[in-house]
PDB file of N, CA and C in Angstrom:
ATOM      1  N   MET A   1     -15.255  36.007   5.632  1.00  0.00           N
ATOM      2  CA  MET A   1     -14.678  35.653   4.834  1.00  0.00           C
ATOM      3  C   MET A   1     -13.984  34.302   4.620  1.00  0.00           C
ATOM      4  N   ILE A   2     -14.106  33.557   3.693  1.00  0.00           N
ATOM      5  CA  ILE A   2     -13.583  32.172   3.319  1.00  0.00           C
ATOM      6  C   ILE A   2     -12.573  32.143   2.197  1.00  0.00           C
ATOM      7  N   ASP A   3     -11.413  31.945   2.250  1.00  0.00           N
ATOM      8  CA  ASP A   3     -10.511  31.578   1.846  1.00  0.00           C
ATOM      9  C   ASP A   3     -10.689  30.238   0.585  1.00  0.00           C
ATOM     10  N   ALA A   4     -10.904  30.708  -0.370  1.00  0.00           N
ATOM     11  CA  ALA A   4     -11.218  29.366  -1.185  1.00  0.00           C
ATOM     12  C   ALA A   4      -9.694  28.779  -2.141  1.00  0.00           C
ATOM     13  N   SER A   5      -8.620  29.292  -1.893  1.00  0.00           N
ATOM     14  CA  SER A   5      -7.366  29.290  -2.380  1.00  0.00           C
ATOM     15  C   SER A   5      -7.070  27.487  -2.369  1.00  0.00           C
ATOM     16  N   VAL A   6      -6.855  26.829  -2.867  1.00  0.00           N
ATOM     17  CA  VAL A   6      -6.346  25.746  -2.819  1.00  0.00           C
ATOM     18  C   VAL A   6      -4.715  25.561  -3.492  1.00  0.00           C
ATOM     19  N   ALA A   7      -3.943  25.236  -3.088  1.00  0.00           N
ATOM     20  CA  ALA A   7      -2.524  24.332  -3.323  1.00  0.00           C
ATOM     21  C   ALA A   7      -2.559  23.113  -3.998  1.00  0.00           C
ATOM     22  N   VAL A   8      -2.024  23.146  -5.537  1.00  0.00           N
ATOM     23  CA  VAL A   8      -1.937  21.965  -6.137  1.00  0.00           C
ATOM     24  C   VAL A   8      -0.914  21.610  -6.155  1.00  0.00           C
ATOM     25  N   GLN A   9      -0.367  20.255  -5.847  1.00  0.00           N
ATOM     26  CA  GLN A   9       0.407  19.681  -6.292  1.00  0.00           C
ATOM     27  C   GLN A   9       0.623  18.976  -7.821  1.00  0.00           C
ATOM     28  N   SER A  10       1.595  18.659  -8.281  1.00  0.00           N
ATOM     29  CA  SER A  10       1.680  17.552  -9.739  1.00  0.00           C
ATOM     30  C   SER A  10       1.841  16.135  -9.121  1.00  0.00           C
ATOM     31  N   VAL A  11       0.957  15.247  -9.757  1.00  0.00           N
ATOM     32  CA  VAL A  11       1.117  13.971  -9.165  1.00  0.00           C
ATOM     33  C   VAL A  11       2.109  13.347 -10.690  1.00  0.00           C
ATOM     34  N   THR A  12       2.640  12.307 -11.031  1.00  0.00           N
ATOM     35  CA  THR A  12       3.062  12.043 -11.746  1.00  0.00           C
ATOM     36  C   THR A  12       2.731  10.173 -11.406  1.00  0.00           C
ATOM     37  N   VAL A  13       1.934   9.646 -12.278  1.00  0.00           N
ATOM     38  CA  VAL A  13       1.988   7.883 -11.975  1.00  0.00           C
ATOM     39  C   VAL A  13       2.706   7.157 -13.093  1.00  0.00           C
ATOM     40  N   SER A  14       3.482   6.469 -12.792  1.00  0.00           N
ATOM     41  CA  SER A  14       3.972   5.494 -13.821  1.00  0.00           C
ATOM     42  C   SER A  14       4.425   3.993 -13.051  1.00  0.00           C
ATOM     43  N   THR A  15       4.307   3.158 -14.132  1.00  0.00           N
ATOM     44  CA  THR A  15       4.481   1.553 -13.794  1.00  0.00           C
ATOM     45  C   THR A  15       6.171   1.206 -13.938  1.00  0.00           C
ATOM     46  N   ALA A  16       6.304   0.199 -13.199  1.00  0.00           N
ATOM     47  CA  ALA A  16       7.975  -0.052 -13.491  1.00  0.00           C
ATOM     48  C   ALA A  16       7.920  -1.838 -12.856  1.00  0.00           C
ATOM     49  N   ARG A  17       8.500  -2.691 -13.647  1.00  0.00           N
ATOM     50  CA  ARG A  17       8.867  -4.181 -13.216  1.00  0.00           C
ATOM     51  C   ARG A  17       9.147  -4.181 -11.802  1.00  0.00           C
ATOM     52  N   SER A  18       9.955  -3.410 -11.296  1.00  0.00           N
ATOM     53  CA  SER A  18      10.660  -3.311 -10.113  1.00  0.00           C
ATOM     54  C   SER A  18      10.790  -2.454  -9.355  1.00  0.00           C
ATOM     55  N   VAL A  19      10.754  -2.169  -7.881  1.00  0.00           N
ATOM     56  CA  VAL A  19      10.331  -1.232  -6.914  1.00  0.00           C
ATOM     57  C   VAL A  19      11.951  -0.257  -7.780  1.00  0.00           C
ATOM     58  N   PRO A  20      11.627   1.269  -7.887  1.00  0.00           N
ATOM     59  CA  PRO A  20      12.291   2.353  -8.223  1.00  0.00           C
ATOM     60  C   PRO A  20      13.710   2.205  -7.043  1.00  0.00           C
ATOM     61  N   SER A  21      14.359   2.910  -6.749  1.00  0.00           N
ATOM     62  CA  SER A  21      15.647   3.129  -5.775  1.00  0.00           C
ATOM     63  C   SER A  21      15.251   3.590  -5.042  1.00  0.00           C
ATOM     64  N   ASP A  22      13.972   5.074  -5.533  1.00  0.00           N
ATOM     65  CA  ASP A  22      14.527   6.049  -4.867  1.00  0.00           C
ATOM     66  C   ASP A  22      13.147   6.199  -3.964  1.00  0.00           C
ATOM     67  N   ALA A  23      11.905   5.243  -4.165  1.00  0.00           N
ATOM     68  CA  ALA A  23      10.628   5.008  -3.564  1.00  0.00           C
ATOM     69  C   ALA A  23      11.042   4.983  -2.178  1.00  0.00           C
ATOM     70  N   GLU A  24       9.981   5.689  -1.522  1.00  0.00           N
ATOM     71  CA  GLU A  24      10.120   5.959  -0.274  1.00  0.00           C
ATOM     72  C   GLU A  24       9.105   5.136   0.832  1.00  0.00           C
ATOM     73  N   ALA A  25       7.951   4.830   0.211  1.00  0.00           N
ATOM     74  CA  ALA A  25       7.289   3.896   0.522  1.00  0.00           C
ATOM     75  C   ALA A  25       6.934   3.087  -0.469  1.00  0.00           C
ATOM     76  N   VAL A  26       6.556   1.779  -0.281  1.00  0.00           N
ATOM     77  CA  VAL A  26       6.075   0.751  -1.189  1.00  0.00           C
ATOM     78  C   VAL A  26       4.788  -0.074  -0.805  1.00  0.00           C
ATOM     79  N   GLY A  27       3.858  -0.127  -1.380  1.00  0.00           N
ATOM     80  CA  GLY A  27       2.742  -0.473  -1.329  1.00  0.00           C
ATOM     81  C   GLY A  27       2.567  -1.966  -1.753  1.00  0.00           C
ATOM     82  N   PHE A  28       2.355  -2.714  -0.949  1.00  0.00           N
ATOM     83  CA  PHE A  28       2.190  -4.629  -1.564  1.00  0.00           C
ATOM     84  C   PHE A  28       0.950  -5.485  -1.353  1.00  0.00           C
ATOM     85  N   ALA A  29       0.210  -5.873  -2.471  1.00  0.00           N
ATOM     86  CA  ALA A  29      -1.123  -6.452  -2.395  1.00  0.00           C
ATOM     87  C   ALA A  29      -0.765  -7.552  -1.448  1.00  0.00           C
ATOM     88  N   VAL A  30      -1.816  -8.188  -0.470  1.00  0.00           N
ATOM     89  CA  VAL A  30      -1.624  -9.203  -0.143  1.00  0.00           C
ATOM     90  C   VAL A  30      -3.244  -9.828   0.117  1.00  0.00           C
ATOM     91  N   GLY A  31      -3.462 -10.873  -0.361  1.00  0.00           N
ATOM     92  CA  GLY A  31      -4.702 -11.239  -0.107  1.00  0.00           C
ATOM     93  C   GLY A  31      -4.810 -12.325   0.792  1.00  0.00           C
ATOM     94  N   GLU A  32      -6.091 -12.898   1.173  1.00  0.00           N
ATOM     95  CA  GLU A  32      -6.427 -13.557   2.236  1.00  0.00           C
ATOM     96  C   GLU A  32      -5.781 -14.838   2.278  1.00  0.00           C
ATOM     97  N   LYS A  33      -5.248 -15.543   1.359  1.00  0.00           N
ATOM     98  CA  LYS A  33      -4.574 -16.295   1.219  1.00  0.00           C
ATOM     99  C   LYS A  33      -3.552 -16.578  -0.045  1.00  0.00           C
ATOM    100  N   GLY A  34      -2.712 -17.394  -0.113  1.00  0.00           N
ATOM    101  CA  GLY A  34      -1.541 -17.924  -1.063  1.00  0.00           C
ATOM    102  C   GLY A  34      -0.491 -16.993  -0.415  1.00  0.00           C
ATOM    103  N   ALA A  35       0.577 -16.575  -1.912  1.00  0.00           N
ATOM    104  CA  ALA A  35       1.978 -16.444  -0.954  1.00  0.00           C
ATOM    105  C   ALA A  35       1.926 -14.908  -0.521  1.00  0.00           C
ATOM    106  N   VAL A  36       2.403 -14.491   0.107  1.00  0.00           N
ATOM    107  CA  VAL A  36       3.088 -13.057   0.543  1.00  0.00           C
ATOM    108  C   VAL A  36       4.065 -12.656  -0.156  1.00  0.00           C
ATOM    109  N   PRO A  37       4.247 -11.591  -0.838  1.00  0.00           N
ATOM    110  CA  PRO A  37       5.286 -10.718  -1.562  1.00  0.00           C
ATOM    111  C   PRO A  37       6.710 -11.034  -0.722  1.00  0.00           C
ATOM    112  N   ARG A  38       7.603 -11.689  -0.884  1.00  0.00           N
ATOM    113  CA  ARG A  38       8.791 -11.851  -0.550  1.00  0.00           C
ATOM    114  C   ARG A  38       9.403 -10.406  -0.073  1.00  0.00           C
ATOM    115  N   GLN A  39       9.118  -9.539  -0.538  1.00  0.00           N
ATOM    116  CA  GLN A  39      10.034  -8.104  -0.773  1.00  0.00           C
ATOM    117  C   GLN A  39       9.419  -7.135   0.501  1.00  0.00           C
ATOM    118  N   LEU A  40       8.026  -7.958   0.827  1.00  0.00           N
ATOM    119  CA  LEU A  40       7.428  -7.191   1.894  1.00  0.00           C
ATOM    120  C   LEU A  40       8.032  -7.775   3.447  1.00  0.00           C
ATOM    121  N   GLY A  41       9.213  -8.745   3.627  1.00  0.00           N
ATOM    122  CA  GLY A  41       9.752  -9.346   4.671  1.00  0.00           C
ATOM    123  C   GLY A  41       8.909  -9.741   5.447  1.00  0.00           C
ATOM    124  N   LEU A  42       8.062  -9.929   5.611  1.00  0.00           N
ATOM    125  CA  LEU A  42       6.931 -10.964   6.464  1.00  0.00           C
ATOM    126  C   LEU A  42       6.232 -12.148   6.115  1.00  0.00           C
ATOM    127  N   SER A  43       6.522 -13.133   6.867  1.00  0.00           N
ATOM    128  CA  SER A  43       5.417 -14.336   6.438  1.00  0.00           C
ATOM    129  C   SER A  43       4.244 -13.919   6.913  1.00  0.00           C
ATOM    130  N   ARG A  44       3.340 -15.159   6.207  1.00  0.00           N
ATOM    131  CA  ARG A  44       1.974 -15.006   6.748  1.00  0.00           C
ATOM    132  C   ARG A  44       1.679 -14.789   7.830  1.00  0.00           C
ATOM    133  N   SER A  45       2.484 -15.818   9.062  1.00  0.00           N
ATOM    134  CA  SER A  45       2.431 -15.950  10.525  1.00  0.00           C
ATOM    135  C   SER A  45       2.432 -14.776  10.786  1.00  0.00           C
ATOM    136  N   ALA A  46       3.749 -14.081  10.510  1.00  0.00           N
ATOM    137  CA  ALA A  46       4.184 -12.858  10.877  1.00  0.00           C
ATOM    138  C   ALA A  46       2.852 -11.660  11.188  1.00  0.00           C
ATOM    139  N   LEU A  47       2.219 -11.370   9.735  1.00  0.00           N
ATOM    140  CA  LEU A  47       1.671 -10.949   9.354  1.00  0.00           C
ATOM    141  C   LEU A  47      -0.111 -11.013  10.396  1.00  0.00           C
ATOM    142  N   LYS A  48      -0.507 -12.243  10.454  1.00  0.00           N
ATOM    143  CA  LYS A  48      -1.203 -12.753  11.337  1.00  0.00           C
ATOM    144  C   LYS A  48      -1.074 -12.561  13.298  1.00  0.00           C
ATOM    145  N   ALA A  49       0.390 -12.211  13.537  1.00  0.00           N
ATOM    146  CA  ALA A  49       0.281 -12.100  14.800  1.00  0.00           C
ATOM    147  C   ALA A  49       0.393 -10.633  15.095  1.00  0.00           C
ATOM    148  N   ASN A  50       0.456  -9.972  13.914  1.00  0.00           N
ATOM    149  CA  ASN A  50       0.145  -8.212  14.057  1.00  0.00           C
ATOM    150  C   ASN A  50      -1.357  -7.688  13.562  1.00  0.00           C
ATOM    151  N   GLY A  51      -2.243  -8.761  13.584  1.00  0.00           N
ATOM    152  CA  GLY A  51      -3.472  -8.468  13.254  1.00  0.00           C
ATOM    153  C   GLY A  51      -3.825  -8.105  11.796  1.00  0.00           C
ATOM    154  N   PHE A  52      -2.810  -8.738  11.136  1.00  0.00           N
ATOM    155  CA  PHE A  52      -3.427  -8.522   9.604  1.00  0.00           C
ATOM    156  C   PHE A  52      -3.565  -9.683   8.891  1.00  0.00           C
ATOM    157  N   ASP A  53      -4.859 -10.165   8.004  1.00  0.00           N
ATOM    158  CA  ASP A  53      -5.011 -11.337   7.431  1.00  0.00           C
ATOM    159  C   ASP A  53      -5.424 -11.038   6.164  1.00  0.00           C
ATOM    160  N   GLY A  54      -5.284  -9.811   5.704  1.00  0.00           N
ATOM    161  CA  GLY A  54      -5.163  -9.743   4.374  1.00  0.00           C
ATOM    162  C   GLY A  54      -6.931  -9.366   3.519  1.00  0.00           C
ATOM    163  N   LYS A  55      -7.353  -8.965   4.479  1.00  0.00           N
ATOM    164  CA  LYS A  55      -8.836  -8.838   4.266  1.00  0.00           C
ATOM    165  C   LYS A  55      -8.945  -7.305   3.600  1.00  0.00           C
ATOM    166  N   SER A  56      -9.986  -7.558   2.442  1.00  0.00           N
ATOM    167  CA  SER A  56     -10.323  -6.151   1.960  1.00  0.00           C
ATOM    168  C   SER A  56      -9.957  -4.795   3.238  1.00  0.00           C
ATOM    169  N   GLY A  57      -9.363  -3.863   2.630  1.00  0.00           N
ATOM    170  CA  GLY A  57      -9.525  -2.759   3.495  1.00  0.00           C
ATOM    171  C   GLY A  57      -8.417  -2.322   4.460  1.00  0.00           C
ATOM    172  N   GLN A  58      -7.684  -3.582   4.912  1.00  0.00           N
ATOM    173  CA  GLN A  58      -6.677  -3.937   5.815  1.00  0.00           C
ATOM    174  C   GLN A  58      -5.333  -3.583   5.338  1.00  0.00           C
ATOM    175  N   LEU A  59      -4.784  -2.602   6.293  1.00  0.00           N
ATOM    176  CA  LEU A  59      -3.215  -2.160   6.185  1.00  0.00           C
ATOM    177  C   LEU A  59      -2.430  -2.678   7.525  1.00  0.00           C
ATOM    178  N   LEU A  60      -1.280  -2.954   6.812  1.00  0.00           N
ATOM    179  CA  LEU A  60      -0.149  -3.113   8.477  1.00  0.00           C
ATOM    180  C   LEU A  60       1.040  -2.333   7.714  1.00  0.00           C
ATOM    181  N   SER A  61       1.121  -1.150   8.347  1.00  0.00           N
ATOM    182  CA  SER A  61       2.809  -0.090   8.090  1.00  0.00           C
ATOM    183  C   SER A  61       3.456  -0.537   9.014  1.00  0.00           C
ATOM    184  N   ILE A  62       4.590  -0.858   7.875  1.00  0.00           N
ATOM    185  CA  ILE A  62       5.878  -1.482   8.649  1.00  0.00           C
ATOM    186  C   ILE A  62       7.228  -0.950   8.093  1.00  0.00           C
ATOM    187  N   PRO A  63       7.708   0.039   8.961  1.00  0.00           N
ATOM    188  CA  PRO A  63       8.738   1.117   9.359  1.00  0.00           C
ATOM    189  C   PRO A  63       9.816   0.313   8.467  1.00  0.00           C
ATOM    190  N   ASN A  64      10.794   0.947   7.690  1.00  0.00           N
ATOM    191  CA  ASN A  64      11.623   0.336   6.808  1.00  0.00           C
ATOM    192  C   ASN A  64      12.856   1.158   6.561  1.00  0.00           C
ATOM    193  N   GLY A  65      13.879   1.266   7.361  1.00  0.00           N
ATOM    194  CA  GLY A  65      14.702   2.456   7.620  1.00  0.00           C
ATOM    195  C   GLY A  65      14.117   3.882   7.432  1.00  0.00           C
ATOM    196  N   ASP A  66      14.459   4.846   6.408  1.00  0.00           N
ATOM    197  CA  ASP A  66      13.998   5.971   6.229  1.00  0.00           C
ATOM    198  C   ASP A  66      12.135   6.196   5.527  1.00  0.00           C
ATOM    199  N   GLY A  67      11.811   5.135   5.200  1.00  0.00           N
ATOM    200  CA  GLY A  67      10.794   5.021   4.425  1.00  0.00           C
ATOM    201  C   GLY A  67       9.954   3.802   5.312  1.00  0.00           C
ATOM    202  N   LEU A  68       8.928   3.117   4.179  1.00  0.00           N
ATOM    203  CA  LEU A  68       7.874   2.500   4.813  1.00  0.00           C
ATOM    204  C   LEU A  68       7.104   1.345   3.709  1.00  0.00           C
ATOM    205  N   LEU A  69       7.194   0.572   4.049  1.00  0.00           N
ATOM    206  CA  LEU A  69       6.360  -1.241   3.136  1.00  0.00           C
ATOM    207  C   LEU A  69       4.597  -1.077   3.815  1.00  0.00           C
ATOM    208  N   VAL A  70       4.172  -1.162   3.002  1.00  0.00           N
ATOM    209  CA  VAL A  70       2.577  -1.293   3.401  1.00  0.00           C
ATOM    210  C   VAL A  70       1.800  -2.482   2.834  1.00  0.00           C
ATOM    211  N   ALA A  71       1.448  -3.574   3.743  1.00  0.00           N
ATOM    212  CA  ALA A  71       0.689  -4.648   3.311  1.00  0.00           C
ATOM    213  C   ALA A  71      -0.410  -4.080   2.894  1.00  0.00           C
ATOM    214  N   VAL A  72      -1.234  -4.412   2.024  1.00  0.00           N
ATOM    215  CA  VAL A  72      -2.472  -3.702   1.795  1.00  0.00           C
ATOM    216  C   VAL A  72      -3.530  -5.024   1.231  1.00  0.00           C
ATOM    217  N   GLY A  73      -4.067  -5.547   2.104  1.00  0.00           N
ATOM    218  CA  GLY A  73      -5.423  -6.520   1.957  1.00  0.00           C
ATOM    219  C   GLY A  73      -6.299  -6.139   0.987  1.00  0.00           C
ATOM    220  N   ILE A  74      -6.235  -7.151   0.152  1.00  0.00           N
ATOM    221  CA  ILE A  74      -7.247  -7.348  -1.486  1.00  0.00           C
ATOM    222  C   ILE A  74      -8.508  -8.249  -0.939  1.00  0.00           C
ATOM    223  N   GLY A  75      -8.490  -8.925   0.171  1.00  0.00           N
ATOM    224  CA  GLY A  75      -9.705 -10.128   0.316  1.00  0.00           C
ATOM    225  C   GLY A  75      -9.030 -11.471  -0.414  1.00  0.00           C
ATOM    226  N   ASP A  76     -10.248 -11.661  -1.349  1.00  0.00           N
ATOM    227  CA  ASP A  76      -9.725 -13.037  -1.922  1.00  0.00           C
ATOM    228  C   ASP A  76      -9.603 -12.442  -3.111  1.00  0.00           C
ATOM    229  N   ALA A  77      -8.119 -13.102  -3.619  1.00  0.00           N
ATOM    230  CA  ALA A  77      -7.317 -12.481  -4.587  1.00  0.00           C
ATOM    231  C   ALA A  77      -8.154 -12.748  -6.280  1.00  0.00           C
ATOM    232  N   ASP A  78      -8.843 -13.959  -6.124  1.00  0.00           N
ATOM    233  CA  ASP A  78      -9.657 -14.252  -7.338  1.00  0.00           C
ATOM    234  C   ASP A  78     -10.941 -13.851  -7.694  1.00  0.00           C
ATOM    235  N   ASP A  79     -11.118 -12.678  -6.593  1.00  0.00           N
ATOM    236  CA  ASP A  79     -12.642 -11.979  -6.836  1.00  0.00           C
ATOM    237  C   ASP A  79     -11.695 -10.305  -6.936  1.00  0.00           C
ATOM    238  N   VAL A  80     -10.482 -10.169  -6.948  1.00  0.00           N
ATOM    239  CA  VAL A  80     -10.100  -8.665  -7.020  1.00  0.00           C
ATOM    240  C   VAL A  80     -10.660  -8.216  -8.212  1.00  0.00           C
ATOM    241  N   ASP A  81     -11.312  -6.822  -8.313  1.00  0.00           N
ATOM    242  CA  ASP A  81     -11.923  -6.185  -9.815  1.00  0.00           C
ATOM    243  C   ASP A  81     -11.226  -4.766  -9.740  1.00  0.00           C
ATOM    244  N   ALA A  82     -11.618  -4.246 -10.618  1.00  0.00           N
ATOM    245  CA  ALA A  82     -11.070  -2.345 -10.913  1.00  0.00           C
ATOM    246  C   ALA A  82     -11.282  -1.960  -9.110  1.00  0.00           C
ATOM    247  N   ASN A  83     -12.894  -1.807  -9.158  1.00  0.00           N
ATOM    248  CA  ASN A  83     -13.223  -0.965  -7.768  1.00  0.00           C
ATOM    249  C   ASN A  83     -11.950  -1.576  -6.717  1.00  0.00           C
ATOM    250  N   GLU A  84     -12.045  -2.807  -6.424  1.00  0.00           N
ATOM    251  CA  GLU A  84     -10.753  -3.376  -5.125  1.00  0.00           C
ATOM    252  C   GLU A  84      -9.906  -2.649  -5.456  1.00  0.00           C
ATOM    253  N   LEU A  85      -9.012  -2.568  -6.671  1.00  0.00           N
ATOM    254  CA  LEU A  85      -7.809  -1.889  -6.781  1.00  0.00           C
ATOM    255  C   LEU A  85      -7.664  -0.498  -6.625  1.00  0.00           C
ATOM    256  N   ARG A  86      -8.600   0.370  -6.716  1.00  0.00           N
ATOM    257  CA  ARG A  86      -8.789   1.687  -6.886  1.00  0.00           C
ATOM    258  C   ARG A  86      -9.037   1.679  -5.492  1.00  0.00           C
ATOM    259  N   ARG A  87      -9.644   0.778  -4.377  1.00  0.00           N
ATOM    260  CA  ARG A  87      -9.445   1.033  -2.775  1.00  0.00           C
ATOM    261  C   ARG A  87      -8.510   0.909  -1.946  1.00  0.00           C
ATOM    262  N   ALA A  88      -7.897  -0.174  -2.657  1.00  0.00           N
ATOM    263  CA  ALA A  88      -6.601  -0.124  -2.178  1.00  0.00           C
ATOM    264  C   ALA A  88      -5.184   0.629  -2.244  1.00  0.00           C
ATOM    265  N   ALA A  89      -5.403   1.141  -3.576  1.00  0.00           N
ATOM    266  CA  ALA A  89      -4.331   2.283  -4.018  1.00  0.00           C
ATOM    267  C   ALA A  89      -4.639   3.356  -2.842  1.00  0.00           C
ATOM    268  N   ALA A  90      -5.828   3.600  -2.878  1.00  0.00           N
ATOM    269  CA  ALA A  90      -6.612   4.938  -2.125  1.00  0.00           C
ATOM    270  C   ALA A  90      -5.815   4.656  -0.576  1.00  0.00           C
ATOM    271  N   SER A  91      -5.859   3.650  -0.053  1.00  0.00           N
ATOM    272  CA  SER A  91      -5.732   3.678   1.401  1.00  0.00           C
ATOM    273  C   SER A  91      -4.182   3.377   1.328  1.00  0.00           C
ATOM    274  N   PHE A  92      -3.016   2.889   0.691  1.00  0.00           N
ATOM    275  CA  PHE A  92      -1.947   2.847   0.689  1.00  0.00           C
ATOM    276  C   PHE A  92      -1.767   4.033   0.483  1.00  0.00           C
ATOM    277  N   ALA A  93      -2.363   5.040  -0.865  1.00  0.00           N
ATOM    278  CA  ALA A  93      -1.988   6.674  -0.597  1.00  0.00           C
ATOM    279  C   ALA A  93      -2.350   7.312   0.718  1.00  0.00           C
ATOM    280  N   ARG A  94      -2.933   6.975   1.491  1.00  0.00           N
ATOM    281  CA  ARG A  94      -3.224   7.763   2.526  1.00  0.00           C
ATOM    282  C   ARG A  94      -2.906   7.113   3.514  1.00  0.00           C
ATOM    283  N   ALA A  95      -2.271   6.028   3.801  1.00  0.00           N
ATOM    284  CA  ALA A  95      -0.891   5.218   5.053  1.00  0.00           C
ATOM    285  C   ALA A  95       0.219   6.145   4.431  1.00  0.00           C
ATOM    286  N   ALA A  96       0.616   6.197   3.473  1.00  0.00           N
ATOM    287  CA  ALA A  96       1.617   6.511   3.068  1.00  0.00           C
ATOM    288  C   ALA A  96       1.948   8.402   2.630  1.00  0.00           C
ATOM    289  N   SER A  97       1.193   8.962   3.241  1.00  0.00           N
ATOM    290  CA  SER A  97       0.736  10.435   2.826  1.00  0.00           C
ATOM    291  C   SER A  97       1.820  11.340   2.826  1.00  0.00           C
ATOM    292  N   LYS A  98       2.852  11.042   4.302  1.00  0.00           N
ATOM    293  CA  LYS A  98       3.698  11.822   4.469  1.00  0.00           C
ATOM    294  C   LYS A  98       5.284  11.354   3.258  1.00  0.00           C
ATOM    295  N   PHE A  99       4.684  10.473   2.868  1.00  0.00           N
ATOM    296  CA  PHE A  99       6.264  10.490   1.591  1.00  0.00           C
ATOM    297  C   PHE A  99       5.746  10.969   0.332  1.00  0.00           C
ATOM    298  N   GLU A 100       6.823  11.366  -0.312  1.00  0.00           N
ATOM    299  CA  GLU A 100       6.704  11.996  -1.879  1.00  0.00           C
ATOM    300  C   GLU A 100       6.732  10.705  -2.940  1.00  0.00           C
ATOM    301  N   ARG A 101       7.727  10.032  -2.419  1.00  0.00           N
ATOM    302  CA  ARG A 101       7.930   9.029  -3.895  1.00  0.00           C
ATOM    303  C   ARG A 101       7.074   7.488  -3.302  1.00  0.00           C
ATOM    304  N   LEU A 102       6.051   7.026  -4.023  1.00  0.00           N
ATOM    305  CA  LEU A 102       5.351   5.940  -3.688  1.00  0.00           C
ATOM    306  C   LEU A 102       5.253   4.920  -4.317  1.00  0.00           C
TER     307      LEU A 102
END
């Protein structure tokens, strides 16, 4: 016998101009060139030293106190489209899956 029951969680998505104080994990889009978001707390050279170049699909998780910061590679920022944003968001969600407030 196969149990086909599935637990369903409620998910709420909202936007904000700044990171909410109760966020446990925060993702930052980082391209292959250009500025690195200062909130990430790492320079481009520090990211590269950790094997992160900003290529599409790359992730670098950085523990931050009780939470997590995640650099999410988006490739060439001039070529980002809706599909790339969906892939980046899904990658971030998987990397931060143990946290409730992203």
